[in-house]
Amino acid sequence: MEHMRLRRLAAAASLFAVAAIPQPLPAASETGTLTARVEVVSTCTVRDAEIDFGTYVSGQQDDVDATAVIEVAECPVGSVRLELDGGGSGNVRRRQMRDGSGHTVDYQIYADSARRTVFGDGRSGRPLQLDAQGSGRVTVYARIPGGQVVPEGVYTDTVRVTMSF
């Protein structure tokens, strides 16, 4: 029994001896950051287009029609959605060109050659869907309704073309 007791005492003493040996302290630590970043760019482009109505005689009864082609290029496979805003008027149902003095000429942009479906911005009018295999062209149809009496001058409007894909 004495032998057992001595053995336990020796085991306990050796544990205390190991615990008493100085352990190396960890080196100082610092933290930093690793930032991941990517810039994603669209591969689709929309080329600017112009609707040129030519000449309108103030008060004429006949409508003046014109067309323009919006070109889409470098698109990934799939469909794209084109939308036209209301231009300076802010209203796709009542687009207006203005001269430098603020006089206006009403006009409209349509998605069809019959000029019945307003080409709009998704909330009003009807945006067109394109199945683009890289590039595409969309013809828009425009009309100045006859019967408008306005001062002579040059009237313009800028309509934003938005493409989403």
N, C-alpha and C. Protein backbone atom coordinates (compact mmCIF):
# COMPACT_ATOMS: atom_id res chain seq x y z
N MET A 1 0.79 -1.16 0.00
CA MET A 1 0.00 0.00 0.00
C MET A 1 0.85 1.25 0.00
N GLU A 2 1.90 1.16 0.75
CA GLU A 2 2.84 2.27 0.79
C GLU A 2 3.40 2.50 -0.61
N HIS A 3 3.62 1.46 -1.29
CA HIS A 3 4.18 1.55 -2.63
C HIS A 3 3.20 2.29 -3.56
N MET A 4 1.93 2.01 -3.42
CA MET A 4 0.90 2.65 -4.22
C MET A 4 0.83 4.14 -3.93
N ARG A 5 0.94 4.44 -2.65
CA ARG A 5 0.89 5.84 -2.25
C ARG A 5 2.06 6.61 -2.80
N LEU A 6 3.22 6.01 -2.77
CA LEU A 6 4.41 6.68 -3.31
C LEU A 6 4.27 6.88 -4.82
N ARG A 7 3.69 5.93 -5.45
CA ARG A 7 3.50 6.04 -6.88
C ARG A 7 2.57 7.20 -7.24
N ARG A 8 1.47 7.33 -6.51
CA ARG A 8 0.53 8.42 -6.75
C ARG A 8 1.18 9.76 -6.47
N LEU A 9 1.95 9.80 -5.43
CA LEU A 9 2.65 11.03 -5.07
C LEU A 9 3.64 11.42 -6.16
N ALA A 10 4.35 10.44 -6.69
CA ALA A 10 5.32 10.70 -7.75
C ALA A 10 4.60 11.19 -9.02
N ALA A 11 3.45 10.59 -9.33
CA ALA A 11 2.69 11.00 -10.51
C ALA A 11 2.19 12.42 -10.35
N ALA A 12 1.68 12.75 -9.18
CA ALA A 12 1.18 14.10 -8.94
C ALA A 12 2.31 15.11 -9.00
N ALA A 13 3.46 14.75 -8.45
CA ALA A 13 4.61 15.66 -8.46
C ALA A 13 5.07 15.91 -9.88
N SER A 14 5.05 14.88 -10.72
CA SER A 14 5.51 15.08 -12.09
C SER A 14 4.53 15.96 -12.87
N LEU A 15 3.21 15.87 -12.57
CA LEU A 15 2.25 16.74 -13.22
C LEU A 15 2.49 18.19 -12.83
N PHE A 16 2.74 18.42 -11.53
CA PHE A 16 3.03 19.78 -11.08
C PHE A 16 4.32 20.30 -11.68
N ALA A 17 5.28 19.44 -11.87
CA ALA A 17 6.56 19.84 -12.44
C ALA A 17 6.38 20.27 -13.90
N VAL A 18 5.56 19.51 -14.65
CA VAL A 18 5.31 19.86 -16.05
C VAL A 18 4.56 21.18 -16.12
N ALA A 19 3.59 21.37 -15.24
CA ALA A 19 2.83 22.61 -15.24
C ALA A 19 3.69 23.80 -14.87
N ALA A 20 4.73 23.57 -14.08
CA ALA A 20 5.59 24.66 -13.64
C ALA A 20 6.59 25.08 -14.71
N ILE A 21 6.79 24.26 -15.73
CA ILE A 21 7.74 24.62 -16.80
C ILE A 21 7.12 25.77 -17.59
N PRO A 22 7.87 26.85 -17.77
CA PRO A 22 7.32 27.99 -18.51
C PRO A 22 7.00 27.59 -19.96
N GLN A 23 5.81 27.95 -20.40
CA GLN A 23 5.38 27.69 -21.77
C GLN A 23 5.63 28.94 -22.61
N PRO A 24 6.00 28.78 -23.88
CA PRO A 24 6.22 29.97 -24.71
C PRO A 24 4.90 30.71 -24.93
N LEU A 25 4.96 32.01 -24.84
CA LEU A 25 3.78 32.84 -25.08
C LEU A 25 3.57 32.96 -26.59
N PRO A 26 2.30 33.03 -27.04
CA PRO A 26 2.09 33.19 -28.48
C PRO A 26 2.62 34.55 -28.94
N ALA A 27 3.07 34.58 -30.18
CA ALA A 27 3.55 35.85 -30.75
C ALA A 27 2.37 36.81 -30.83
N ALA A 28 2.65 38.08 -30.90
CA ALA A 28 1.58 39.08 -31.03
C ALA A 28 0.81 38.81 -32.32
N SER A 29 -0.46 39.13 -32.34
CA SER A 29 -1.25 38.91 -33.55
C SER A 29 -1.88 40.21 -34.00
N GLU A 30 -2.07 40.31 -35.27
CA GLU A 30 -2.71 41.46 -35.90
C GLU A 30 -3.79 40.93 -36.83
N THR A 31 -4.78 41.74 -37.07
CA THR A 31 -5.80 41.35 -38.04
C THR A 31 -5.86 42.38 -39.16
N GLY A 32 -6.28 41.95 -40.29
CA GLY A 32 -6.44 42.84 -41.45
C GLY A 32 -7.67 42.40 -42.21
N THR A 33 -7.83 42.92 -43.38
CA THR A 33 -8.98 42.55 -44.19
C THR A 33 -8.54 42.10 -45.57
N LEU A 34 -9.35 41.33 -46.18
CA LEU A 34 -9.17 40.90 -47.56
C LEU A 34 -10.44 41.31 -48.28
N THR A 35 -10.31 42.19 -49.24
CA THR A 35 -11.47 42.70 -49.96
C THR A 35 -11.57 42.01 -51.31
N ALA A 36 -12.75 41.54 -51.62
CA ALA A 36 -13.02 40.99 -52.95
C ALA A 36 -13.81 42.03 -53.72
N ARG A 37 -13.47 42.27 -54.98
CA ARG A 37 -14.13 43.31 -55.77
C ARG A 37 -14.20 42.87 -57.22
N VAL A 38 -15.29 43.23 -57.86
CA VAL A 38 -15.42 43.05 -59.30
C VAL A 38 -16.31 44.17 -59.82
N GLU A 39 -15.99 44.69 -60.96
CA GLU A 39 -16.85 45.66 -61.62
C GLU A 39 -17.54 44.93 -62.76
N VAL A 40 -18.85 44.89 -62.71
CA VAL A 40 -19.62 44.24 -63.76
C VAL A 40 -20.14 45.32 -64.69
N VAL A 41 -19.89 45.15 -65.96
CA VAL A 41 -20.37 46.12 -66.95
C VAL A 41 -21.34 45.42 -67.88
N SER A 42 -22.28 46.18 -68.36
CA SER A 42 -23.22 45.59 -69.30
C SER A 42 -22.52 45.43 -70.64
N THR A 43 -22.88 44.41 -71.32
CA THR A 43 -22.28 44.22 -72.63
C THR A 43 -23.19 44.74 -73.73
N CYS A 44 -24.41 45.10 -73.36
CA CYS A 44 -25.34 45.63 -74.34
C CYS A 44 -25.16 47.14 -74.49
N THR A 45 -25.33 47.62 -75.69
CA THR A 45 -25.32 49.06 -75.93
C THR A 45 -26.55 49.44 -76.74
N VAL A 46 -27.03 50.63 -76.48
CA VAL A 46 -28.14 51.19 -77.26
C VAL A 46 -27.58 52.40 -77.99
N ARG A 47 -27.71 52.42 -79.28
CA ARG A 47 -27.21 53.55 -80.07
C ARG A 47 -28.28 54.63 -80.15
N ASP A 48 -27.85 55.88 -80.08
CA ASP A 48 -28.78 57.00 -80.18
C ASP A 48 -29.48 56.99 -81.54
N ALA A 49 -30.71 57.45 -81.56
CA ALA A 49 -31.49 57.53 -82.79
C ALA A 49 -32.18 58.89 -82.83
N GLU A 50 -32.71 59.24 -84.00
CA GLU A 50 -33.39 60.53 -84.14
C GLU A 50 -34.66 60.36 -84.97
N ILE A 51 -35.73 60.94 -84.47
CA ILE A 51 -36.97 61.03 -85.24
C ILE A 51 -36.97 62.42 -85.88
N ASP A 52 -36.94 62.48 -87.20
CA ASP A 52 -36.94 63.77 -87.90
C ASP A 52 -38.26 63.90 -88.66
N PHE A 53 -39.12 64.78 -88.17
CA PHE A 53 -40.42 64.99 -88.79
C PHE A 53 -40.34 65.89 -90.03
N GLY A 54 -39.20 66.49 -90.26
CA GLY A 54 -39.11 67.42 -91.39
C GLY A 54 -39.80 68.73 -91.05
N THR A 55 -40.76 69.13 -91.89
CA THR A 55 -41.45 70.41 -91.72
C THR A 55 -42.92 70.18 -91.38
N TYR A 56 -43.40 70.98 -90.45
CA TYR A 56 -44.82 70.99 -90.09
C TYR A 56 -45.31 72.41 -90.30
N VAL A 57 -46.40 72.57 -91.03
CA VAL A 57 -46.98 73.89 -91.26
C VAL A 57 -48.00 74.13 -90.16
N SER A 58 -47.83 75.21 -89.42
CA SER A 58 -48.72 75.51 -88.30
C SER A 58 -50.18 75.47 -88.74
N GLY A 59 -50.99 74.69 -88.03
CA GLY A 59 -52.41 74.59 -88.33
C GLY A 59 -52.78 73.57 -89.39
N GLN A 60 -51.81 72.95 -90.04
CA GLN A 60 -52.16 71.98 -91.09
C GLN A 60 -53.02 70.86 -90.52
N GLN A 61 -53.93 70.35 -91.31
CA GLN A 61 -54.87 69.33 -90.85
C GLN A 61 -54.32 67.91 -90.94
N ASP A 62 -53.36 67.70 -91.82
CA ASP A 62 -52.80 66.36 -91.98
C ASP A 62 -51.78 66.05 -90.89
N ASP A 63 -51.79 64.80 -90.44
CA ASP A 63 -50.77 64.33 -89.50
C ASP A 63 -49.42 64.28 -90.22
N VAL A 64 -48.35 64.38 -89.47
CA VAL A 64 -47.01 64.20 -90.02
C VAL A 64 -46.41 62.96 -89.35
N ASP A 65 -46.05 61.97 -90.16
CA ASP A 65 -45.50 60.73 -89.64
C ASP A 65 -44.00 60.65 -89.90
N ALA A 66 -43.31 59.94 -89.03
CA ALA A 66 -41.87 59.71 -89.19
C ALA A 66 -41.53 58.39 -88.49
N THR A 67 -40.37 57.86 -88.81
CA THR A 67 -39.88 56.65 -88.14
C THR A 67 -38.43 56.86 -87.73
N ALA A 68 -37.98 56.00 -86.85
CA ALA A 68 -36.58 55.96 -86.46
C ALA A 68 -36.25 54.52 -86.11
N VAL A 69 -34.98 54.19 -86.14
CA VAL A 69 -34.54 52.84 -85.80
C VAL A 69 -33.63 52.93 -84.59
N ILE A 70 -33.99 52.18 -83.55
CA ILE A 70 -33.14 52.07 -82.36
C ILE A 70 -32.33 50.79 -82.52
N GLU A 71 -31.01 50.91 -82.44
CA GLU A 71 -30.14 49.75 -82.60
C GLU A 71 -29.59 49.31 -81.26
N VAL A 72 -29.63 48.00 -81.05
CA VAL A 72 -29.09 47.37 -79.86
C VAL A 72 -27.94 46.49 -80.32
N ALA A 73 -26.81 46.56 -79.63
CA ALA A 73 -25.65 45.79 -80.07
C ALA A 73 -24.95 45.14 -78.88
N GLU A 74 -24.17 44.11 -79.20
CA GLU A 74 -23.30 43.43 -78.25
C GLU A 74 -24.03 42.87 -77.03
N CYS A 75 -25.21 42.31 -77.25
CA CYS A 75 -26.00 41.76 -76.14
C CYS A 75 -25.72 40.28 -75.95
N PRO A 76 -25.82 39.82 -74.72
CA PRO A 76 -25.72 38.38 -74.50
C PRO A 76 -26.97 37.70 -75.06
N VAL A 77 -26.88 36.42 -75.24
CA VAL A 77 -28.03 35.67 -75.75
C VAL A 77 -29.19 35.82 -74.78
N GLY A 78 -30.36 36.00 -75.29
CA GLY A 78 -31.54 36.16 -74.45
C GLY A 78 -32.38 37.29 -74.96
N SER A 79 -33.24 37.76 -74.11
CA SER A 79 -34.13 38.84 -74.52
C SER A 79 -33.75 40.12 -73.81
N VAL A 80 -34.09 41.23 -74.42
CA VAL A 80 -33.89 42.55 -73.82
C VAL A 80 -35.22 43.27 -73.85
N ARG A 81 -35.33 44.23 -72.99
CA ARG A 81 -36.57 45.00 -72.91
C ARG A 81 -36.22 46.46 -73.13
N LEU A 82 -36.87 47.07 -74.10
CA LEU A 82 -36.67 48.49 -74.38
C LEU A 82 -37.85 49.27 -73.85
N GLU A 83 -37.54 50.39 -73.22
CA GLU A 83 -38.59 51.27 -72.71
C GLU A 83 -38.25 52.69 -73.09
N LEU A 84 -39.27 53.48 -73.40
CA LEU A 84 -39.10 54.90 -73.73
C LEU A 84 -39.84 55.71 -72.69
N ASP A 85 -39.18 56.72 -72.13
CA ASP A 85 -39.86 57.55 -71.14
C ASP A 85 -40.68 58.64 -71.82
N GLY A 86 -41.27 59.51 -71.05
CA GLY A 86 -42.15 60.55 -71.58
C GLY A 86 -41.43 61.77 -72.10
N GLY A 87 -40.09 61.74 -72.14
CA GLY A 87 -39.35 62.91 -72.62
C GLY A 87 -39.54 64.08 -71.67
N GLY A 88 -39.46 65.29 -72.21
CA GLY A 88 -39.57 66.51 -71.40
C GLY A 88 -40.90 66.67 -70.71
N SER A 89 -41.96 66.10 -71.26
CA SER A 89 -43.28 66.23 -70.63
C SER A 89 -43.40 65.30 -69.43
N GLY A 90 -42.59 64.24 -69.40
CA GLY A 90 -42.67 63.27 -68.32
C GLY A 90 -43.87 62.35 -68.43
N ASN A 91 -44.60 62.41 -69.53
CA ASN A 91 -45.82 61.63 -69.68
C ASN A 91 -45.79 60.89 -71.02
N VAL A 92 -45.71 59.56 -70.98
CA VAL A 92 -45.65 58.81 -72.24
C VAL A 92 -46.94 58.91 -73.03
N ARG A 93 -48.02 59.27 -72.40
CA ARG A 93 -49.31 59.43 -73.10
C ARG A 93 -49.46 60.81 -73.75
N ARG A 94 -48.57 61.75 -73.39
CA ARG A 94 -48.67 63.10 -73.96
C ARG A 94 -47.26 63.68 -74.14
N ARG A 95 -46.57 63.18 -75.12
CA ARG A 95 -45.23 63.68 -75.39
C ARG A 95 -45.33 65.02 -76.11
N GLN A 96 -44.36 65.89 -75.82
CA GLN A 96 -44.35 67.22 -76.42
C GLN A 96 -42.93 67.63 -76.77
N MET A 97 -42.80 68.27 -77.93
CA MET A 97 -41.55 68.93 -78.29
C MET A 97 -41.70 70.39 -77.91
N ARG A 98 -40.61 71.01 -77.51
CA ARG A 98 -40.64 72.42 -77.10
C ARG A 98 -39.65 73.24 -77.92
N ASP A 99 -40.02 74.52 -78.09
CA ASP A 99 -39.06 75.44 -78.70
C ASP A 99 -38.35 76.19 -77.56
N GLY A 100 -37.48 77.11 -77.91
CA GLY A 100 -36.72 77.86 -76.90
C GLY A 100 -37.57 78.75 -76.02
N SER A 101 -38.79 79.08 -76.45
CA SER A 101 -39.67 79.95 -75.67
C SER A 101 -40.68 79.17 -74.84
N GLY A 102 -40.65 77.85 -74.91
CA GLY A 102 -41.57 77.04 -74.13
C GLY A 102 -42.85 76.65 -74.83
N HIS A 103 -43.01 77.05 -76.10
CA HIS A 103 -44.18 76.60 -76.87
C HIS A 103 -44.03 75.11 -77.15
N THR A 104 -45.14 74.42 -77.31
CA THR A 104 -45.08 72.97 -77.48
C THR A 104 -45.82 72.49 -78.72
N VAL A 105 -45.34 71.37 -79.25
CA VAL A 105 -46.01 70.63 -80.32
C VAL A 105 -46.20 69.21 -79.79
N ASP A 106 -47.45 68.77 -79.76
CA ASP A 106 -47.73 67.40 -79.31
C ASP A 106 -47.28 66.40 -80.37
N TYR A 107 -46.78 65.27 -79.91
CA TYR A 107 -46.42 64.17 -80.81
C TYR A 107 -46.49 62.88 -80.01
N GLN A 108 -46.37 61.76 -80.70
CA GLN A 108 -46.39 60.48 -80.00
C GLN A 108 -45.48 59.49 -80.70
N ILE A 109 -44.98 58.52 -79.93
CA ILE A 109 -44.13 57.44 -80.45
C ILE A 109 -44.89 56.13 -80.23
N TYR A 110 -44.92 55.33 -81.29
CA TYR A 110 -45.70 54.09 -81.26
C TYR A 110 -44.81 52.88 -81.52
N ALA A 111 -45.30 51.74 -81.07
CA ALA A 111 -44.59 50.48 -81.26
C ALA A 111 -45.00 49.78 -82.55
N ASP A 112 -46.06 50.26 -83.20
CA ASP A 112 -46.56 49.59 -84.40
C ASP A 112 -46.76 50.60 -85.53
N SER A 113 -46.68 50.09 -86.76
CA SER A 113 -46.78 50.98 -87.92
C SER A 113 -48.17 51.58 -88.07
N ALA A 114 -49.19 50.96 -87.50
CA ALA A 114 -50.55 51.53 -87.55
C ALA A 114 -50.69 52.70 -86.57
N ARG A 115 -49.69 52.88 -85.75
CA ARG A 115 -49.65 53.97 -84.77
C ARG A 115 -50.87 53.92 -83.83
N ARG A 116 -51.04 52.74 -83.26
CA ARG A 116 -52.13 52.54 -82.29
C ARG A 116 -51.62 52.23 -80.89
N THR A 117 -50.43 51.61 -80.80
CA THR A 117 -49.90 51.19 -79.50
C THR A 117 -48.74 52.10 -79.10
N VAL A 118 -48.97 52.89 -78.07
CA VAL A 118 -47.93 53.81 -77.60
C VAL A 118 -46.74 53.01 -77.09
N PHE A 119 -45.55 53.44 -77.49
CA PHE A 119 -44.32 52.81 -77.01
C PHE A 119 -43.96 53.52 -75.72
N GLY A 120 -44.11 52.82 -74.61
CA GLY A 120 -43.97 53.48 -73.31
C GLY A 120 -42.86 52.95 -72.45
N ASP A 121 -43.05 53.18 -71.15
CA ASP A 121 -42.00 52.88 -70.19
C ASP A 121 -42.34 51.74 -69.23
N GLY A 122 -43.32 50.96 -69.54
CA GLY A 122 -43.67 49.84 -68.69
C GLY A 122 -44.82 50.13 -67.76
N ARG A 123 -44.97 51.37 -67.33
CA ARG A 123 -46.10 51.73 -66.48
C ARG A 123 -47.28 52.15 -67.34
N SER A 124 -47.01 52.75 -68.46
CA SER A 124 -48.07 53.06 -69.42
C SER A 124 -47.46 52.87 -70.80
N GLY A 125 -48.28 52.61 -71.74
CA GLY A 125 -47.75 52.25 -73.05
C GLY A 125 -47.38 50.78 -73.05
N ARG A 126 -46.67 50.36 -74.08
CA ARG A 126 -46.29 48.96 -74.19
C ARG A 126 -44.86 48.83 -74.66
N PRO A 127 -43.93 48.51 -73.76
CA PRO A 127 -42.54 48.28 -74.18
C PRO A 127 -42.44 47.06 -75.09
N LEU A 128 -41.47 47.04 -75.94
CA LEU A 128 -41.24 45.90 -76.84
C LEU A 128 -40.24 44.93 -76.23
N GLN A 129 -40.44 43.68 -76.52
CA GLN A 129 -39.48 42.64 -76.14
C GLN A 129 -38.64 42.30 -77.37
N LEU A 130 -37.36 42.15 -77.19
CA LEU A 130 -36.46 41.72 -78.27
C LEU A 130 -35.86 40.38 -77.90
N ASP A 131 -35.79 39.49 -78.85
CA ASP A 131 -34.99 38.29 -78.68
C ASP A 131 -33.67 38.58 -79.37
N ALA A 132 -32.68 38.96 -78.58
CA ALA A 132 -31.42 39.43 -79.16
C ALA A 132 -30.40 38.30 -79.18
N GLN A 133 -29.84 38.08 -80.32
CA GLN A 133 -28.74 37.14 -80.46
C GLN A 133 -27.48 37.95 -80.76
N GLY A 134 -27.24 38.96 -79.97
CA GLY A 134 -26.08 39.80 -80.18
C GLY A 134 -26.45 41.21 -80.57
N SER A 135 -27.27 41.37 -81.58
CA SER A 135 -27.67 42.69 -82.06
C SER A 135 -29.13 42.67 -82.47
N GLY A 136 -29.71 43.83 -82.53
CA GLY A 136 -31.09 43.92 -82.98
C GLY A 136 -31.45 45.34 -83.34
N ARG A 137 -32.52 45.48 -84.08
CA ARG A 137 -33.00 46.80 -84.50
C ARG A 137 -34.49 46.86 -84.23
N VAL A 138 -34.93 47.97 -83.71
CA VAL A 138 -36.35 48.18 -83.45
C VAL A 138 -36.77 49.46 -84.14
N THR A 139 -37.77 49.37 -84.98
CA THR A 139 -38.31 50.57 -85.62
C THR A 139 -39.38 51.15 -84.72
N VAL A 140 -39.31 52.46 -84.50
CA VAL A 140 -40.36 53.16 -83.77
C VAL A 140 -41.07 54.07 -84.76
N TYR A 141 -42.34 54.27 -84.52
CA TYR A 141 -43.20 55.03 -85.43
C TYR A 141 -43.72 56.24 -84.67
N ALA A 142 -43.60 57.40 -85.28
CA ALA A 142 -43.98 58.63 -84.58
C ALA A 142 -44.99 59.42 -85.40
N ARG A 143 -45.73 60.28 -84.70
CA ARG A 143 -46.75 61.09 -85.39
C ARG A 143 -46.93 62.41 -84.66
N ILE A 144 -47.00 63.49 -85.47
CA ILE A 144 -47.49 64.79 -84.99
C ILE A 144 -48.93 64.89 -85.47
N PRO A 145 -49.89 64.98 -84.55
CA PRO A 145 -51.28 65.13 -84.99
C PRO A 145 -51.49 66.49 -85.66
N GLY A 146 -52.23 66.49 -86.77
CA GLY A 146 -52.53 67.75 -87.46
C GLY A 146 -53.45 68.63 -86.62
N GLY A 147 -53.59 69.87 -87.06
CA GLY A 147 -54.50 70.81 -86.41
C GLY A 147 -53.90 71.63 -85.29
N GLN A 148 -52.59 71.52 -85.07
CA GLN A 148 -51.96 72.29 -84.00
C GLN A 148 -51.48 73.63 -84.55
N VAL A 149 -51.93 74.70 -83.94
CA VAL A 149 -51.48 76.04 -84.33
C VAL A 149 -50.41 76.46 -83.33
N VAL A 150 -49.20 76.60 -83.84
CA VAL A 150 -48.06 76.93 -82.97
C VAL A 150 -47.16 77.93 -83.67
N PRO A 151 -46.39 78.72 -82.90
CA PRO A 151 -45.45 79.66 -83.52
C PRO A 151 -44.36 78.91 -84.29
N GLU A 152 -43.83 79.56 -85.32
CA GLU A 152 -42.74 78.92 -86.07
C GLU A 152 -41.50 78.82 -85.19
N GLY A 153 -40.67 77.87 -85.52
CA GLY A 153 -39.44 77.65 -84.76
C GLY A 153 -39.03 76.19 -84.84
N VAL A 154 -37.98 75.86 -84.15
CA VAL A 154 -37.49 74.49 -84.09
C VAL A 154 -37.90 73.91 -82.75
N TYR A 155 -38.59 72.79 -82.78
CA TYR A 155 -39.10 72.13 -81.58
C TYR A 155 -38.37 70.79 -81.41
N THR A 156 -37.96 70.51 -80.20
CA THR A 156 -37.23 69.25 -79.94
C THR A 156 -37.70 68.64 -78.61
N ASP A 157 -37.38 67.40 -78.46
CA ASP A 157 -37.61 66.67 -77.22
C ASP A 157 -36.55 65.58 -77.13
N THR A 158 -36.20 65.19 -75.94
CA THR A 158 -35.26 64.10 -75.73
C THR A 158 -35.96 63.02 -74.92
N VAL A 159 -36.05 61.85 -75.50
CA VAL A 159 -36.69 60.70 -74.87
C VAL A 159 -35.59 59.73 -74.46
N ARG A 160 -35.62 59.30 -73.22
CA ARG A 160 -34.62 58.34 -72.73
C ARG A 160 -35.03 56.93 -73.13
N VAL A 161 -34.11 56.22 -73.77
CA VAL A 161 -34.31 54.82 -74.13
C VAL A 161 -33.59 53.99 -73.07
N THR A 162 -34.34 53.14 -72.39
CA THR A 162 -33.75 52.28 -71.35
C THR A 162 -33.86 50.84 -71.80
N MET A 163 -32.75 50.13 -71.68
CA MET A 163 -32.73 48.72 -72.04
C MET A 163 -32.37 47.92 -70.81
N SER A 164 -33.14 46.90 -70.54
CA SER A 164 -32.79 46.01 -69.43
C SER A 164 -32.70 44.60 -69.98
N PHE A 165 -31.80 43.82 -69.40
CA PHE A 165 -31.60 42.45 -69.87
C PHE A 165 -31.22 41.57 -68.72
